[in-house]
Amino acid sequence: MEFEGRARIHSHLDIAPLIDIVFLLLVFFMLTSTFMVPEAIELELPESSSATVTDITPIIVSLDQTGQLALNGERIELEQLRGAIEPLLKTDAAITLKSDARTEVQQLLAVMDEIRAAGGTDVALATLQK
């Protein structure tokens, strides 16, 4: 004997479009993100209460605690610094020197001497404001 009653509704959720969207999001984030970390020198800048904010100059010399030297983000030796800065000084006269707070004063003075020997007279020492 069959009773008439409510017919059972069989609902079915199609997950194929959901999988397509998740796959497209995965591909998008893989293509737009970068996995290479640029090579850089880790610096802890000294603090100063009298520091003033200036425009960033295109010539940046970085010196870390161990004496590693970089010119505009590329590693360089102290002996090569003078020859590398001289052509850059013809277009821009200002140089920013970023030195680690724990750098020895003698290393900092050696770098400043090389910059001045190359013709750099306008040297700014980068610091952090307190």
C-alpha atoms as a PDB file:
ATOM      1  CA  MET A   1       0.000   0.000   0.000  1.00  0.00           C
ATOM      2  CA  GLU A   2       1.366   3.369  -1.022  1.00  0.00           C
ATOM      3  CA  PHE A   3       0.614   6.525   0.834  1.00  0.00           C
ATOM      4  CA  GLU A   4       0.575   9.823  -0.850  1.00  0.00           C
ATOM      5  CA  GLY A   5       2.692  12.200   1.025  1.00  0.00           C
ATOM      6  CA  ARG A   6       5.280  14.716   0.533  1.00  0.00           C
ATOM      7  CA  ALA A   7       7.741  13.843  -2.101  1.00  0.00           C
ATOM      8  CA  ARG A   8      11.248  13.791  -0.814  1.00  0.00           C
ATOM      9  CA  ILE A   9      13.394  16.555  -2.180  1.00  0.00           C
ATOM     10  CA  HIS A  10      16.841  15.424  -3.024  1.00  0.00           C
ATOM     11  CA  SER A  11      19.115  18.423  -2.975  1.00  0.00           C
ATOM     12  CA  HIS A  12      22.532  18.119  -4.501  1.00  0.00           C
ATOM     13  CA  LEU A  13      25.285  20.699  -4.100  1.00  0.00           C
ATOM     14  CA  ASP A  14      27.596  20.868  -7.084  1.00  0.00           C
ATOM     15  CA  ILE A  15      31.080  21.704  -5.804  1.00  0.00           C
ATOM     16  CA  ALA A  16      32.839  21.789  -9.184  1.00  0.00           C
ATOM     17  CA  PRO A  17      32.453  25.612  -9.575  1.00  0.00           C
ATOM     18  CA  LEU A  18      33.709  26.061  -6.020  1.00  0.00           C
ATOM     19  CA  ILE A  19      36.804  24.014  -6.784  1.00  0.00           C
ATOM     20  CA  ASP A  20      37.364  26.065  -9.963  1.00  0.00           C
ATOM     21  CA  ILE A  21      37.242  29.338  -8.014  1.00  0.00           C
ATOM     22  CA  VAL A  22      39.597  28.051  -5.322  1.00  0.00           C
ATOM     23  CA  PHE A  23      42.018  26.867  -8.000  1.00  0.00           C
ATOM     24  CA  LEU A  24      41.913  30.263  -9.756  1.00  0.00           C
ATOM     25  CA  LEU A  25      42.592  32.031  -6.447  1.00  0.00           C
ATOM     26  CA  LEU A  26      45.524  29.724  -5.788  1.00  0.00           C
ATOM     27  CA  VAL A  27      47.002  30.405  -9.223  1.00  0.00           C
ATOM     28  CA  PHE A  28      46.456  34.159  -8.809  1.00  0.00           C
ATOM     29  CA  PHE A  29      48.273  34.315  -5.479  1.00  0.00           C
ATOM     30  CA  MET A  30      51.098  32.115  -6.723  1.00  0.00           C
ATOM     31  CA  LEU A  31      51.669  34.387  -9.721  1.00  0.00           C
ATOM     32  CA  THR A  32      51.420  37.688  -7.868  1.00  0.00           C
ATOM     33  CA  SER A  33      53.516  36.851  -4.827  1.00  0.00           C
ATOM     34  CA  THR A  34      57.272  36.843  -4.871  1.00  0.00           C
ATOM     35  CA  PHE A  35      59.280  34.168  -3.138  1.00  0.00           C
ATOM     36  CA  MET A  36      62.738  35.681  -3.530  1.00  0.00           C
ATOM     37  CA  VAL A  37      64.015  37.739  -0.647  1.00  0.00           C
ATOM     38  CA  PRO A  38      66.238  40.576  -1.873  1.00  0.00           C
ATOM     39  CA  GLU A  39      69.754  40.536  -0.517  1.00  0.00           C
ATOM     40  CA  ALA A  40      70.142  43.296   2.033  1.00  0.00           C
ATOM     41  CA  ILE A  41      72.271  44.344   4.961  1.00  0.00           C
ATOM     42  CA  GLU A  42      70.536  44.232   8.327  1.00  0.00           C
ATOM     43  CA  LEU A  43      71.082  47.561  10.111  1.00  0.00           C
ATOM     44  CA  GLU A  44      69.975  48.970  13.417  1.00  0.00           C
ATOM     45  CA  LEU A  45      70.230  52.731  12.962  1.00  0.00           C
ATOM     46  CA  PRO A  46      71.298  54.889  15.900  1.00  0.00           C
ATOM     47  CA  GLU A  47      68.691  57.124  17.538  1.00  0.00           C
ATOM     48  CA  SER A  48      68.839  60.894  17.749  1.00  0.00           C
ATOM     49  CA  SER A  49      66.491  63.409  19.338  1.00  0.00           C
ATOM     50  CA  SER A  50      67.656  66.185  16.996  1.00  0.00           C
ATOM     51  CA  ALA A  51      67.166  64.187  13.780  1.00  0.00           C
ATOM     52  CA  THR A  52      65.319  65.862  10.919  1.00  0.00           C
ATOM     53  CA  VAL A  53      63.463  64.200   8.081  1.00  0.00           C
ATOM     54  CA  THR A  54      64.991  64.730   4.645  1.00  0.00           C
ATOM     55  CA  ASP A  55      64.292  63.475   1.162  1.00  0.00           C
ATOM     56  CA  ILE A  56      65.821  60.098   0.349  1.00  0.00           C
ATOM     57  CA  THR A  57      68.857  60.573  -1.849  1.00  0.00           C
ATOM     58  CA  PRO A  58      69.743  58.150  -4.612  1.00  0.00           C
ATOM     59  CA  ILE A  59      73.255  57.541  -3.264  1.00  0.00           C
ATOM     60  CA  ILE A  60      73.029  55.375  -0.136  1.00  0.00           C
ATOM     61  CA  VAL A  61      76.088  53.842   1.514  1.00  0.00           C
ATOM     62  CA  SER A  62      75.323  51.201   4.177  1.00  0.00           C
ATOM     63  CA  LEU A  63      77.745  49.857   6.771  1.00  0.00           C
ATOM     64  CA  ASP A  64      76.751  47.038   9.115  1.00  0.00           C
ATOM     65  CA  GLN A  65      78.208  45.927  12.443  1.00  0.00           C
ATOM     66  CA  THR A  66      80.601  43.422  10.891  1.00  0.00           C
ATOM     67  CA  GLY A  67      82.056  45.933   8.424  1.00  0.00           C
ATOM     68  CA  GLN A  68      80.061  44.801   5.366  1.00  0.00           C
ATOM     69  CA  LEU A  69      79.672  47.740   3.006  1.00  0.00           C
ATOM     70  CA  ALA A  70      76.944  48.318   0.397  1.00  0.00           C
ATOM     71  CA  LEU A  71      76.430  51.047  -2.187  1.00  0.00           C
ATOM     72  CA  ASN A  72      72.759  51.473  -3.178  1.00  0.00           C
ATOM     73  CA  GLY A  73      71.999  47.951  -1.932  1.00  0.00           C
ATOM     74  CA  GLU A  74      74.888  46.175  -3.710  1.00  0.00           C
ATOM     75  CA  ARG A  75      77.783  44.831  -1.665  1.00  0.00           C
ATOM     76  CA  ILE A  76      81.120  46.484  -2.280  1.00  0.00           C
ATOM     77  CA  GLU A  77      84.568  46.463  -0.740  1.00  0.00           C
ATOM     78  CA  LEU A  78      86.032  49.555   0.930  1.00  0.00           C
ATOM     79  CA  GLU A  79      88.834  49.720  -1.639  1.00  0.00           C
ATOM     80  CA  GLN A  80      86.284  49.864  -4.499  1.00  0.00           C
ATOM     81  CA  LEU A  81      84.044  52.485  -2.872  1.00  0.00           C
ATOM     82  CA  ARG A  82      85.901  55.555  -4.151  1.00  0.00           C
ATOM     83  CA  GLY A  83      85.831  54.409  -7.776  1.00  0.00           C
ATOM     84  CA  ALA A  84      82.144  53.461  -7.564  1.00  0.00           C
ATOM     85  CA  ILE A  85      81.002  56.749  -5.991  1.00  0.00           C
ATOM     86  CA  GLU A  86      82.900  59.151  -8.286  1.00  0.00           C
ATOM     87  CA  PRO A  87      80.618  58.635 -11.334  1.00  0.00           C
ATOM     88  CA  LEU A  88      77.504  58.904  -9.152  1.00  0.00           C
ATOM     89  CA  LEU A  89      78.627  62.230  -7.677  1.00  0.00           C
ATOM     90  CA  LYS A  90      78.545  63.883 -11.112  1.00  0.00           C
ATOM     91  CA  THR A  91      74.736  63.684 -11.134  1.00  0.00           C
ATOM     92  CA  ASP A  92      73.842  63.900  -7.432  1.00  0.00           C
ATOM     93  CA  ALA A  93      75.926  65.528  -4.740  1.00  0.00           C
ATOM     94  CA  ALA A  94      74.168  64.264  -1.583  1.00  0.00           C
ATOM     95  CA  ILE A  95      75.118  60.955   0.026  1.00  0.00           C
ATOM     96  CA  THR A  96      73.274  59.211   2.867  1.00  0.00           C
ATOM     97  CA  LEU A  97      75.444  57.046   5.108  1.00  0.00           C
ATOM     98  CA  LYS A  98      73.500  54.382   6.992  1.00  0.00           C
ATOM     99  CA  SER A  99      75.641  52.891   9.707  1.00  0.00           C
ATOM    100  CA  ASP A 100      74.660  50.300  12.284  1.00  0.00           C
ATOM    101  CA  ALA A 101      74.473  51.608  15.854  1.00  0.00           C
ATOM    102  CA  ARG A 102      77.085  49.054  16.970  1.00  0.00           C
ATOM    103  CA  THR A 103      79.611  49.794  14.193  1.00  0.00           C
ATOM    104  CA  GLU A 104      83.096  50.679  15.337  1.00  0.00           C
ATOM    105  CA  VAL A 105      83.921  54.346  14.949  1.00  0.00           C
ATOM    106  CA  GLN A 106      87.147  53.529  13.088  1.00  0.00           C
ATOM    107  CA  GLN A 107      85.217  51.642  10.373  1.00  0.00           C
ATOM    108  CA  LEU A 108      82.749  54.519  10.044  1.00  0.00           C
ATOM    109  CA  LEU A 109      85.569  57.055   9.722  1.00  0.00           C
ATOM    110  CA  ALA A 110      87.308  54.929   7.081  1.00  0.00           C
ATOM    111  CA  VAL A 111      84.132  54.885   4.982  1.00  0.00           C
ATOM    112  CA  MET A 112      83.648  58.637   5.429  1.00  0.00           C
ATOM    113  CA  ASP A 113      87.260  59.246   4.377  1.00  0.00           C
ATOM    114  CA  GLU A 114      86.727  57.228   1.185  1.00  0.00           C
ATOM    115  CA  ILE A 115      83.555  59.175   0.404  1.00  0.00           C
ATOM    116  CA  ARG A 116      85.323  62.506   0.912  1.00  0.00           C
ATOM    117  CA  ALA A 117      88.299  61.357  -1.162  1.00  0.00           C
ATOM    118  CA  ALA A 118      85.886  60.583  -4.011  1.00  0.00           C
ATOM    119  CA  GLY A 119      84.578  64.154  -3.861  1.00  0.00           C
ATOM    120  CA  GLY A 120      81.545  63.692  -1.630  1.00  0.00           C
ATOM    121  CA  THR A 121      81.216  66.796   0.518  1.00  0.00           C
ATOM    122  CA  ASP A 122      77.530  66.547   1.442  1.00  0.00           C
ATOM    123  CA  VAL A 123      77.309  63.409   3.605  1.00  0.00           C
ATOM    124  CA  ALA A 124      74.254  62.846   5.825  1.00  0.00           C
ATOM    125  CA  LEU A 125      74.298  60.221   8.580  1.00  0.00           C
ATOM    126  CA  ALA A 126      70.970  58.377   8.764  1.00  0.00           C
ATOM    127  CA  THR A 127      69.396  58.014  12.207  1.00  0.00           C
ATOM    128  CA  LEU A 128      66.037  57.156  13.747  1.00  0.00           C
ATOM    129  CA  GLN A 129      63.985  59.682  15.677  1.00  0.00           C
ATOM    130  CA  LYS A 130      63.373  58.884  19.341  1.00  0.00           C
END
